[in-house]
């Protein structure tokens, strides 16, 4: 998924942690999407997805705040993760 080591080398550790948390949320979204498309998603899967979706939304809010103190690189990477999540979930919205 989207980030490379070269891209995040100069990003402060806290921002790297935030990006990793966002990536982890994206992985949960992908797993949930796959289970839903296969018809195997459980109520627990849905609850986990919602919890992670809220967590991702909270992290991404930092990217929209120009005064968050985050580097531009991190803000752009978070917005990219948000975009990836939207794309991942499109099949569920279309079907």
PDB file of N, CA and C in Angstrom:
ATOM      1  N   UNK A   1       0.847  -1.175   0.000  1.00  0.00           N
ATOM      2  CA  UNK A   1       0.000   0.000   0.000  1.00  0.00           C
ATOM      3  C   UNK A   1       0.880   1.221   0.000  1.00  0.00           C
ATOM      4  N   UNK A   2       0.599   2.299  -0.303  1.00  0.00           N
ATOM      5  CA  UNK A   2       1.171   3.541  -0.710  1.00  0.00           C
ATOM      6  C   UNK A   2       2.512   4.055  -0.249  1.00  0.00           C
ATOM      7  N   UNK A   3       3.012   3.850   0.957  1.00  0.00           N
ATOM      8  CA  UNK A   3       4.226   4.529   1.374  1.00  0.00           C
ATOM      9  C   UNK A   3       5.460   3.693   1.076  1.00  0.00           C
ATOM     10  N   UNK A   4       6.576   4.402   0.895  1.00  0.00           N
ATOM     11  CA  UNK A   4       7.852   3.721   0.711  1.00  0.00           C
ATOM     12  C   UNK A   4       8.808   4.210   1.779  1.00  0.00           C
ATOM     13  N   UNK A   5       9.836   3.433   2.058  1.00  0.00           N
ATOM     14  CA  UNK A   5      10.819   3.822   3.058  1.00  0.00           C
ATOM     15  C   UNK A   5      11.480   5.136   2.678  1.00  0.00           C
ATOM     16  N   UNK A   6      11.786   5.316   1.409  1.00  0.00           N
ATOM     17  CA  UNK A   6      12.427   6.552   0.969  1.00  0.00           C
ATOM     18  C   UNK A   6      11.544   7.758   1.251  1.00  0.00           C
ATOM     19  N   UNK A   7      10.252   7.599   1.150  1.00  0.00           N
ATOM     20  CA  UNK A   7       9.326   8.698   1.365  1.00  0.00           C
ATOM     21  C   UNK A   7       9.281   9.113   2.825  1.00  0.00           C
ATOM     22  N   UNK A   8       9.406   8.176   3.745  1.00  0.00           N
ATOM     23  CA  UNK A   8       9.198   8.502   5.151  1.00  0.00           C
ATOM     24  C   UNK A   8      10.481   8.625   5.968  1.00  0.00           C
ATOM     25  N   UNK A   9      11.632   8.623   5.331  1.00  0.00           N
ATOM     26  CA  UNK A   9      12.900   8.668   6.053  1.00  0.00           C
ATOM     27  C   UNK A   9      13.010   9.908   6.936  1.00  0.00           C
ATOM     28  N   UNK A  10      12.637  11.071   6.431  1.00  0.00           N
ATOM     29  CA  UNK A  10      12.825  12.318   7.167  1.00  0.00           C
ATOM     30  C   UNK A  10      11.623  12.722   8.006  1.00  0.00           C
ATOM     31  N   UNK A  11      10.650  11.864   8.136  1.00  0.00           N
ATOM     32  CA  UNK A  11       9.454  12.173   8.907  1.00  0.00           C
ATOM     33  C   UNK A  11       9.715  11.847  10.376  1.00  0.00           C
ATOM     34  N   UNK A  12       9.307  12.742  11.287  1.00  0.00           N
ATOM     35  CA  UNK A  12       9.496  12.470  12.721  1.00  0.00           C
ATOM     36  C   UNK A  12       8.841  11.157  13.151  1.00  0.00           C
ATOM     37  N   UNK A  13       9.397  10.546  14.188  1.00  0.00           N
ATOM     38  CA  UNK A  13       8.922   9.237  14.646  1.00  0.00           C
ATOM     39  C   UNK A  13       7.432   9.238  14.975  1.00  0.00           C
ATOM     40  N   UNK A  14       6.932  10.272  15.631  1.00  0.00           N
ATOM     41  CA  UNK A  14       5.508  10.324  15.963  1.00  0.00           C
ATOM     42  C   UNK A  14       4.657  10.249  14.699  1.00  0.00           C
ATOM     43  N   UNK A  15       5.074  10.951  13.667  1.00  0.00           N
ATOM     44  CA  UNK A  15       4.328  10.930  12.412  1.00  0.00           C
ATOM     45  C   UNK A  15       4.423   9.564  11.735  1.00  0.00           C
ATOM     46  N   UNK A  16       5.573   8.914  11.847  1.00  0.00           N
ATOM     47  CA  UNK A  16       5.704   7.554  11.309  1.00  0.00           C
ATOM     48  C   UNK A  16       4.731   6.616  12.012  1.00  0.00           C
ATOM     49  N   UNK A  17       4.612   6.795  13.324  1.00  0.00           N
ATOM     50  CA  UNK A  17       3.686   5.965  14.100  1.00  0.00           C
ATOM     51  C   UNK A  17       2.249   6.218  13.666  1.00  0.00           C
ATOM     52  N   UNK A  18       1.896   7.473  13.475  1.00  0.00           N
ATOM     53  CA  UNK A  18       0.545   7.819  13.014  1.00  0.00           C
ATOM     54  C   UNK A  18       0.283   7.205  11.645  1.00  0.00           C
ATOM     55  N   UNK A  19       1.255   7.289  10.755  1.00  0.00           N
ATOM     56  CA  UNK A  19       1.099   6.699   9.422  1.00  0.00           C
ATOM     57  C   UNK A  19       0.940   5.183   9.505  1.00  0.00           C
ATOM     58  N   UNK A  20       1.700   4.541  10.385  1.00  0.00           N
ATOM     59  CA  UNK A  20       1.579   3.089  10.539  1.00  0.00           C
ATOM     60  C   UNK A  20       0.207   2.717  11.071  1.00  0.00           C
ATOM     61  N   UNK A  21      -0.288   3.502  12.020  1.00  0.00           N
ATOM     62  CA  UNK A  21      -1.629   3.247  12.556  1.00  0.00           C
ATOM     63  C   UNK A  21      -2.678   3.387  11.452  1.00  0.00           C
ATOM     64  N   UNK A  22      -2.525   4.399  10.611  1.00  0.00           N
ATOM     65  CA  UNK A  22      -3.465   4.601   9.504  1.00  0.00           C
ATOM     66  C   UNK A  22      -3.383   3.440   8.512  1.00  0.00           C
ATOM     67  N   UNK A  23      -2.169   2.978   8.225  1.00  0.00           N
ATOM     68  CA  UNK A  23      -1.994   1.824   7.331  1.00  0.00           C
ATOM     69  C   UNK A  23      -2.652   0.580   7.922  1.00  0.00           C
ATOM     70  N   UNK A  24      -2.507   0.400   9.230  1.00  0.00           N
ATOM     71  CA  UNK A  24      -3.134  -0.746   9.895  1.00  0.00           C
ATOM     72  C   UNK A  24      -4.655  -0.687   9.753  1.00  0.00           C
ATOM     73  N   UNK A  25      -5.219   0.510   9.892  1.00  0.00           N
ATOM     74  CA  UNK A  25      -6.668   0.682   9.714  1.00  0.00           C
ATOM     75  C   UNK A  25      -7.071   0.354   8.282  1.00  0.00           C
ATOM     76  N   UNK A  26      -6.233   0.732   7.335  1.00  0.00           N
ATOM     77  CA  UNK A  26      -6.508   0.446   5.929  1.00  0.00           C
ATOM     78  C   UNK A  26      -6.514  -1.062   5.674  1.00  0.00           C
ATOM     79  N   UNK A  27      -5.620  -1.772   6.304  1.00  0.00           N
ATOM     80  CA  UNK A  27      -5.570  -3.234   6.169  1.00  0.00           C
ATOM     81  C   UNK A  27      -6.853  -3.859   6.701  1.00  0.00           C
ATOM     82  N   UNK A  28      -7.336  -3.369   7.842  1.00  0.00           N
ATOM     83  CA  UNK A  28      -8.593  -3.881   8.405  1.00  0.00           C
ATOM     84  C   UNK A  28      -9.743  -3.615   7.438  1.00  0.00           C
ATOM     85  N   UNK A  29      -9.762  -2.436   6.827  1.00  0.00           N
ATOM     86  CA  UNK A  29     -10.817  -2.104   5.860  1.00  0.00           C
ATOM     87  C   UNK A  29     -10.774  -3.060   4.671  1.00  0.00           C
ATOM     88  N   UNK A  30      -9.571  -3.354   4.195  1.00  0.00           N
ATOM     89  CA  UNK A  30      -9.425  -4.268   3.060  1.00  0.00           C
ATOM     90  C   UNK A  30      -9.894  -5.678   3.426  1.00  0.00           C
ATOM     91  N   UNK A  31      -9.528  -6.127   4.608  1.00  0.00           N
ATOM     92  CA  UNK A  31      -9.956  -7.458   5.051  1.00  0.00           C
ATOM     93  C   UNK A  31     -11.476  -7.527   5.185  1.00  0.00           C
ATOM     94  N   UNK A  32     -12.066  -6.482   5.731  1.00  0.00           N
ATOM     95  CA  UNK A  32     -13.521  -6.453   5.889  1.00  0.00           C
ATOM     96  C   UNK A  32     -14.210  -6.441   4.525  1.00  0.00           C
ATOM     97  N   UNK A  33     -13.699  -5.608   3.622  1.00  0.00           N
ATOM     98  CA  UNK A  33     -14.271  -5.563   2.275  1.00  0.00           C
ATOM     99  C   UNK A  33     -14.249  -6.941   1.632  1.00  0.00           C
ATOM    100  N   UNK A  34     -13.114  -7.612   1.730  1.00  0.00           N
ATOM    101  CA  UNK A  34     -12.990  -8.940   1.124  1.00  0.00           C
ATOM    102  C   UNK A  34     -13.987  -9.924   1.733  1.00  0.00           C
ATOM    103  N   UNK A  35     -14.117  -9.891   3.054  1.00  0.00           N
ATOM    104  CA  UNK A  35     -15.077 -10.789   3.711  1.00  0.00           C
ATOM    105  C   UNK A  35     -16.508 -10.461   3.301  1.00  0.00           C
ATOM    106  N   UNK A  36     -16.828  -9.184   3.205  1.00  0.00           N
ATOM    107  CA  UNK A  36     -18.183  -8.797   2.789  1.00  0.00           C
ATOM    108  C   UNK A  36     -18.468  -9.273   1.370  1.00  0.00           C
ATOM    109  N   UNK A  37     -17.500  -9.102   0.485  1.00  0.00           N
ATOM    110  CA  UNK A  37     -17.690  -9.524  -0.904  1.00  0.00           C
ATOM    111  C   UNK A  37     -17.820 -11.041  -1.014  1.00  0.00           C
ATOM    112  N   UNK A  38     -17.175 -11.767  -0.111  1.00  0.00           N
ATOM    113  CA  UNK A  38     -17.264 -13.228  -0.095  1.00  0.00           C
ATOM    114  C   UNK A  38     -18.482 -13.717   0.676  1.00  0.00           C
ATOM    115  N   UNK A  39     -19.150 -12.799   1.369  1.00  0.00           N
ATOM    116  CA  UNK A  39     -20.317 -13.171   2.160  1.00  0.00           C
ATOM    117  C   UNK A  39     -19.977 -13.840   3.477  1.00  0.00           C
ATOM    118  N   UNK A  40     -18.755 -13.638   3.968  1.00  0.00           N
ATOM    119  CA  UNK A  40     -18.335 -14.304   5.204  1.00  0.00           C
ATOM    120  C   UNK A  40     -18.130 -13.342   6.375  1.00  0.00           C
ATOM    121  N   UNK A  41     -18.460 -12.067   6.205  1.00  0.00           N
ATOM    122  CA  UNK A  41     -18.258 -11.085   7.276  1.00  0.00           C
ATOM    123  C   UNK A  41     -19.231 -11.339   8.422  1.00  0.00           C
ATOM    124  N   UNK A  42     -18.709 -11.286   9.629  1.00  0.00           N
ATOM    125  CA  UNK A  42     -19.528 -11.480  10.826  1.00  0.00           C
ATOM    126  C   UNK A  42     -19.856 -10.117  11.441  1.00  0.00           C
ATOM    127  N   UNK A  43     -20.734 -10.133  12.441  1.00  0.00           N
ATOM    128  CA  UNK A  43     -21.033  -8.901  13.177  1.00  0.00           C
ATOM    129  C   UNK A  43     -19.771  -8.356  13.844  1.00  0.00           C
ATOM    130  N   UNK A  44     -18.941  -9.260  14.332  1.00  0.00           N
ATOM    131  CA  UNK A  44     -17.680  -8.843  14.954  1.00  0.00           C
ATOM    132  C   UNK A  44     -16.761  -8.170  13.931  1.00  0.00           C
ATOM    133  N   UNK A  45     -16.722  -8.709  12.710  1.00  0.00           N
ATOM    134  CA  UNK A  45     -15.935  -8.085  11.643  1.00  0.00           C
ATOM    135  C   UNK A  45     -16.440  -6.673  11.366  1.00  0.00           C
ATOM    136  N   UNK A  46     -17.756  -6.522  11.319  1.00  0.00           N
ATOM    137  CA  UNK A  46     -18.354  -5.210  11.055  1.00  0.00           C
ATOM    138  C   UNK A  46     -18.013  -4.227  12.168  1.00  0.00           C
ATOM    139  N   UNK A  47     -18.068  -4.701  13.404  1.00  0.00           N
ATOM    140  CA  UNK A  47     -17.746  -3.838  14.543  1.00  0.00           C
ATOM    141  C   UNK A  47     -16.280  -3.416  14.507  1.00  0.00           C
ATOM    142  N   UNK A  48     -15.407  -4.352  14.199  1.00  0.00           N
ATOM    143  CA  UNK A  48     -13.981  -4.043  14.090  1.00  0.00           C
ATOM    144  C   UNK A  48     -13.742  -3.037  12.975  1.00  0.00           C
ATOM    145  N   UNK A  49     -14.426  -3.224  11.850  1.00  0.00           N
ATOM    146  CA  UNK A  49     -14.292  -2.293  10.734  1.00  0.00           C
ATOM    147  C   UNK A  49     -14.730  -0.888  11.140  1.00  0.00           C
ATOM    148  N   UNK A  50     -15.874  -0.780  11.797  1.00  0.00           N
ATOM    149  CA  UNK A  50     -16.380   0.535  12.210  1.00  0.00           C
ATOM    150  C   UNK A  50     -15.394   1.199  13.175  1.00  0.00           C
ATOM    151  N   UNK A  51     -14.904   0.447  14.148  1.00  0.00           N
ATOM    152  CA  UNK A  51     -13.937   1.000  15.101  1.00  0.00           C
ATOM    153  C   UNK A  51     -12.693   1.515  14.385  1.00  0.00           C
ATOM    154  N   UNK A  52     -12.190   0.734  13.437  1.00  0.00           N
ATOM    155  CA  UNK A  52     -10.997   1.143  12.703  1.00  0.00           C
ATOM    156  C   UNK A  52     -11.275   2.293  11.757  1.00  0.00           C
ATOM    157  N   UNK A  53     -12.464   2.329  11.205  1.00  0.00           N
ATOM    158  CA  UNK A  53     -12.845   3.423  10.322  1.00  0.00           C
ATOM    159  C   UNK A  53     -12.877   4.745  11.091  1.00  0.00           C
ATOM    160  N   UNK A  54     -13.413   4.700  12.303  1.00  0.00           N
ATOM    161  CA  UNK A  54     -13.434   5.893  13.159  1.00  0.00           C
ATOM    162  C   UNK A  54     -12.004   6.301  13.516  1.00  0.00           C
ATOM    163  N   UNK A  55     -11.164   5.333  13.828  1.00  0.00           N
ATOM    164  CA  UNK A  55      -9.766   5.623  14.153  1.00  0.00           C
ATOM    165  C   UNK A  55      -9.065   6.270  12.963  1.00  0.00           C
ATOM    166  N   UNK A  56      -9.279   5.724  11.768  1.00  0.00           N
ATOM    167  CA  UNK A  56      -8.654   6.288  10.573  1.00  0.00           C
ATOM    168  C   UNK A  56      -9.157   7.704  10.330  1.00  0.00           C
ATOM    169  N   UNK A  57     -10.447   7.908  10.471  1.00  0.00           N
ATOM    170  CA  UNK A  57     -11.014   9.244  10.279  1.00  0.00           C
ATOM    171  C   UNK A  57     -10.384  10.245  11.251  1.00  0.00           C
ATOM    172  N   UNK A  58     -10.174   9.819  12.479  1.00  0.00           N
ATOM    173  CA  UNK A  58      -9.563  10.686  13.485  1.00  0.00           C
ATOM    174  C   UNK A  58      -8.130  11.038  13.097  1.00  0.00           C
ATOM    175  N   UNK A  59      -7.369  10.053  12.650  1.00  0.00           N
ATOM    176  CA  UNK A  59      -5.993  10.312  12.227  1.00  0.00           C
ATOM    177  C   UNK A  59      -5.954  11.237  11.017  1.00  0.00           C
ATOM    178  N   UNK A  60      -6.852  11.022  10.072  1.00  0.00           N
ATOM    179  CA  UNK A  60      -6.871  11.823   8.844  1.00  0.00           C
ATOM    180  C   UNK A  60      -7.271  13.270   9.137  1.00  0.00           C
ATOM    181  N   UNK A  61      -8.073  13.486  10.165  1.00  0.00           N
ATOM    182  CA  UNK A  61      -8.446  14.863  10.522  1.00  0.00           C
ATOM    183  C   UNK A  61      -7.212  15.723  10.747  1.00  0.00           C
ATOM    184  N   UNK A  62      -6.153  15.124  11.267  1.00  0.00           N
ATOM    185  CA  UNK A  62      -4.908  15.864  11.467  1.00  0.00           C
ATOM    186  C   UNK A  62      -4.352  16.395  10.149  1.00  0.00           C
ATOM    187  N   UNK A  63      -4.568  15.661   9.078  1.00  0.00           N
ATOM    188  CA  UNK A  63      -4.055  16.071   7.773  1.00  0.00           C
ATOM    189  C   UNK A  63      -4.792  17.290   7.229  1.00  0.00           C
ATOM    190  N   UNK A  64      -6.015  17.475   7.647  1.00  0.00           N
ATOM    191  CA  UNK A  64      -6.804  18.613   7.177  1.00  0.00           C
ATOM    192  C   UNK A  64      -6.559  19.875   7.998  1.00  0.00           C
ATOM    193  N   UNK A  65      -5.842  19.755   9.100  1.00  0.00           N
ATOM    194  CA  UNK A  65      -5.561  20.898   9.966  1.00  0.00           C
ATOM    195  C   UNK A  65      -4.186  21.461   9.617  1.00  0.00           C
ATOM    196  N   UNK A  66      -4.175  22.628   8.996  1.00  0.00           N
ATOM    197  CA  UNK A  66      -2.908  23.243   8.599  1.00  0.00           C
ATOM    198  C   UNK A  66      -2.011  23.563   9.786  1.00  0.00           C
ATOM    199  N   UNK A  67      -2.592  23.669  10.964  1.00  0.00           N
ATOM    200  CA  UNK A  67      -1.823  23.991  12.164  1.00  0.00           C
ATOM    201  C   UNK A  67      -1.587  22.768  13.053  1.00  0.00           C
ATOM    202  N   UNK A  68      -1.671  21.581  12.480  1.00  0.00           N
ATOM    203  CA  UNK A  68      -1.520  20.355  13.278  1.00  0.00           C
ATOM    204  C   UNK A  68      -0.081  20.124  13.723  1.00  0.00           C
ATOM    205  N   UNK A  69       0.855  20.775  13.082  1.00  0.00           N
ATOM    206  CA  UNK A  69       2.261  20.562  13.397  1.00  0.00           C
ATOM    207  C   UNK A  69       2.885  19.430  12.601  1.00  0.00           C
ATOM    208  N   UNK A  70       2.076  18.764  11.784  1.00  0.00           N
ATOM    209  CA  UNK A  70       2.592  17.660  10.962  1.00  0.00           C
ATOM    210  C   UNK A  70       3.314  18.209   9.736  1.00  0.00           C
ATOM    211  N   UNK A  71       4.281  17.436   9.281  1.00  0.00           N
ATOM    212  CA  UNK A  71       4.958  17.802   8.048  1.00  0.00           C
ATOM    213  C   UNK A  71       3.991  17.666   6.874  1.00  0.00           C
ATOM    214  N   UNK A  72       4.270  18.417   5.835  1.00  0.00           N
ATOM    215  CA  UNK A  72       3.447  18.341   4.626  1.00  0.00           C
ATOM    216  C   UNK A  72       3.457  16.929   4.071  1.00  0.00           C
ATOM    217  N   UNK A  73       4.612  16.270   4.123  1.00  0.00           N
ATOM    218  CA  UNK A  73       4.722  14.904   3.605  1.00  0.00           C
ATOM    219  C   UNK A  73       3.762  13.957   4.321  1.00  0.00           C
ATOM    220  N   UNK A  74       3.733  14.054   5.639  1.00  0.00           N
ATOM    221  CA  UNK A  74       2.842  13.182   6.408  1.00  0.00           C
ATOM    222  C   UNK A  74       1.394  13.499   6.105  1.00  0.00           C
ATOM    223  N   UNK A  75       1.077  14.775   6.028  1.00  0.00           N
ATOM    224  CA  UNK A  75      -0.300  15.165   5.727  1.00  0.00           C
ATOM    225  C   UNK A  75      -0.724  14.599   4.374  1.00  0.00           C
ATOM    226  N   UNK A  76       0.142  14.682   3.388  1.00  0.00           N
ATOM    227  CA  UNK A  76      -0.188  14.167   2.054  1.00  0.00           C
ATOM    228  C   UNK A  76      -0.327  12.645   2.072  1.00  0.00           C
ATOM    229  N   UNK A  77       0.541  11.973   2.809  1.00  0.00           N
ATOM    230  CA  UNK A  77       0.451  10.514   2.907  1.00  0.00           C
ATOM    231  C   UNK A  77      -0.845  10.088   3.588  1.00  0.00           C
ATOM    232  N   UNK A  78      -1.260  10.810   4.632  1.00  0.00           N
ATOM    233  CA  UNK A  78      -2.527  10.493   5.298  1.00  0.00           C
ATOM    234  C   UNK A  78      -3.711  10.696   4.355  1.00  0.00           C
ATOM    235  N   UNK A  79      -3.669  11.769   3.579  1.00  0.00           N
ATOM    236  CA  UNK A  79      -4.747  11.999   2.610  1.00  0.00           C
ATOM    237  C   UNK A  79      -4.760  10.895   1.555  1.00  0.00           C
ATOM    238  N   UNK A  80      -3.589  10.404   1.202  1.00  0.00           N
ATOM    239  CA  UNK A  80      -3.511   9.283   0.266  1.00  0.00           C
ATOM    240  C   UNK A  80      -4.114   8.014   0.846  1.00  0.00           C
ATOM    241  N   UNK A  81      -3.881   7.774   2.123  1.00  0.00           N
ATOM    242  CA  UNK A  81      -4.462   6.606   2.791  1.00  0.00           C
ATOM    243  C   UNK A  81      -5.978   6.741   2.833  1.00  0.00           C
ATOM    244  N   UNK A  82      -6.453   7.948   3.113  1.00  0.00           N
ATOM    245  CA  UNK A  82      -7.903   8.182   3.108  1.00  0.00           C
ATOM    246  C   UNK A  82      -8.492   7.864   1.730  1.00  0.00           C
ATOM    247  N   UNK A  83      -7.823   8.313   0.696  1.00  0.00           N
ATOM    248  CA  UNK A  83      -8.276   8.054  -0.671  1.00  0.00           C
ATOM    249  C   UNK A  83      -8.272   6.560  -0.982  1.00  0.00           C
ATOM    250  N   UNK A  84      -7.250   5.854  -0.508  1.00  0.00           N
ATOM    251  CA  UNK A  84      -7.183   4.410  -0.717  1.00  0.00           C
ATOM    252  C   UNK A  84      -8.353   3.702  -0.049  1.00  0.00           C
ATOM    253  N   UNK A  85      -8.727   4.166   1.152  1.00  0.00           N
ATOM    254  CA  UNK A  85      -9.845   3.536   1.843  1.00  0.00           C
ATOM    255  C   UNK A  85     -11.142   3.747   1.065  1.00  0.00           C
ATOM    256  N   UNK A  86     -11.326   4.949   0.545  1.00  0.00           N
ATOM    257  CA  UNK A  86     -12.529   5.227  -0.255  1.00  0.00           C
ATOM    258  C   UNK A  86     -12.575   4.284  -1.452  1.00  0.00           C
ATOM    259  N   UNK A  87     -11.455   4.125  -2.141  1.00  0.00           N
ATOM    260  CA  UNK A  87     -11.401   3.239  -3.306  1.00  0.00           C
ATOM    261  C   UNK A  87     -11.656   1.783  -2.917  1.00  0.00           C
ATOM    262  N   UNK A  88     -11.092   1.371  -1.784  1.00  0.00           N
ATOM    263  CA  UNK A  88     -11.293  -0.008  -1.318  1.00  0.00           C
ATOM    264  C   UNK A  88     -12.763  -0.323  -1.076  1.00  0.00           C
ATOM    265  N   UNK A  89     -13.488   0.648  -0.562  1.00  0.00           N
ATOM    266  CA  UNK A  89     -14.868   0.401  -0.151  1.00  0.00           C
ATOM    267  C   UNK A  89     -15.880   0.612  -1.277  1.00  0.00           C
ATOM    268  N   UNK A  90     -15.451   1.124  -2.412  1.00  0.00           N
ATOM    269  CA  UNK A  90     -16.375   1.361  -3.531  1.00  0.00           C
ATOM    270  C   UNK A  90     -17.179   0.132  -3.934  1.00  0.00           C
ATOM    271  N   UNK A  91     -16.578  -1.052  -4.015  1.00  0.00           N
ATOM    272  CA  UNK A  91     -17.379  -2.220  -4.402  1.00  0.00           C
ATOM    273  C   UNK A  91     -18.554  -2.489  -3.464  1.00  0.00           C
ATOM    274  N   UNK A  92     -18.421  -2.126  -2.196  1.00  0.00           N
ATOM    275  CA  UNK A  92     -19.519  -2.342  -1.252  1.00  0.00           C
ATOM    276  C   UNK A  92     -20.625  -1.316  -1.456  1.00  0.00           C
ATOM    277  N   UNK A  93     -20.259  -0.135  -1.882  1.00  0.00           N
ATOM    278  CA  UNK A  93     -21.249   0.916  -2.116  1.00  0.00           C
ATOM    279  C   UNK A  93     -21.983   0.695  -3.431  1.00  0.00           C
ATOM    280  N   UNK A  94     -21.284   0.113  -4.397  1.00  0.00           N
ATOM    281  CA  UNK A  94     -21.869  -0.112  -5.719  1.00  0.00           C
ATOM    282  C   UNK A  94     -22.772  -1.334  -5.733  1.00  0.00           C
ATOM    283  N   UNK A  95     -22.509  -2.278  -4.844  1.00  0.00           N
ATOM    284  CA  UNK A  95     -23.235  -3.539  -4.857  1.00  0.00           C
ATOM    285  C   UNK A  95     -24.288  -3.564  -3.886  1.00  0.00           C
TER     286      UNK A  95
END
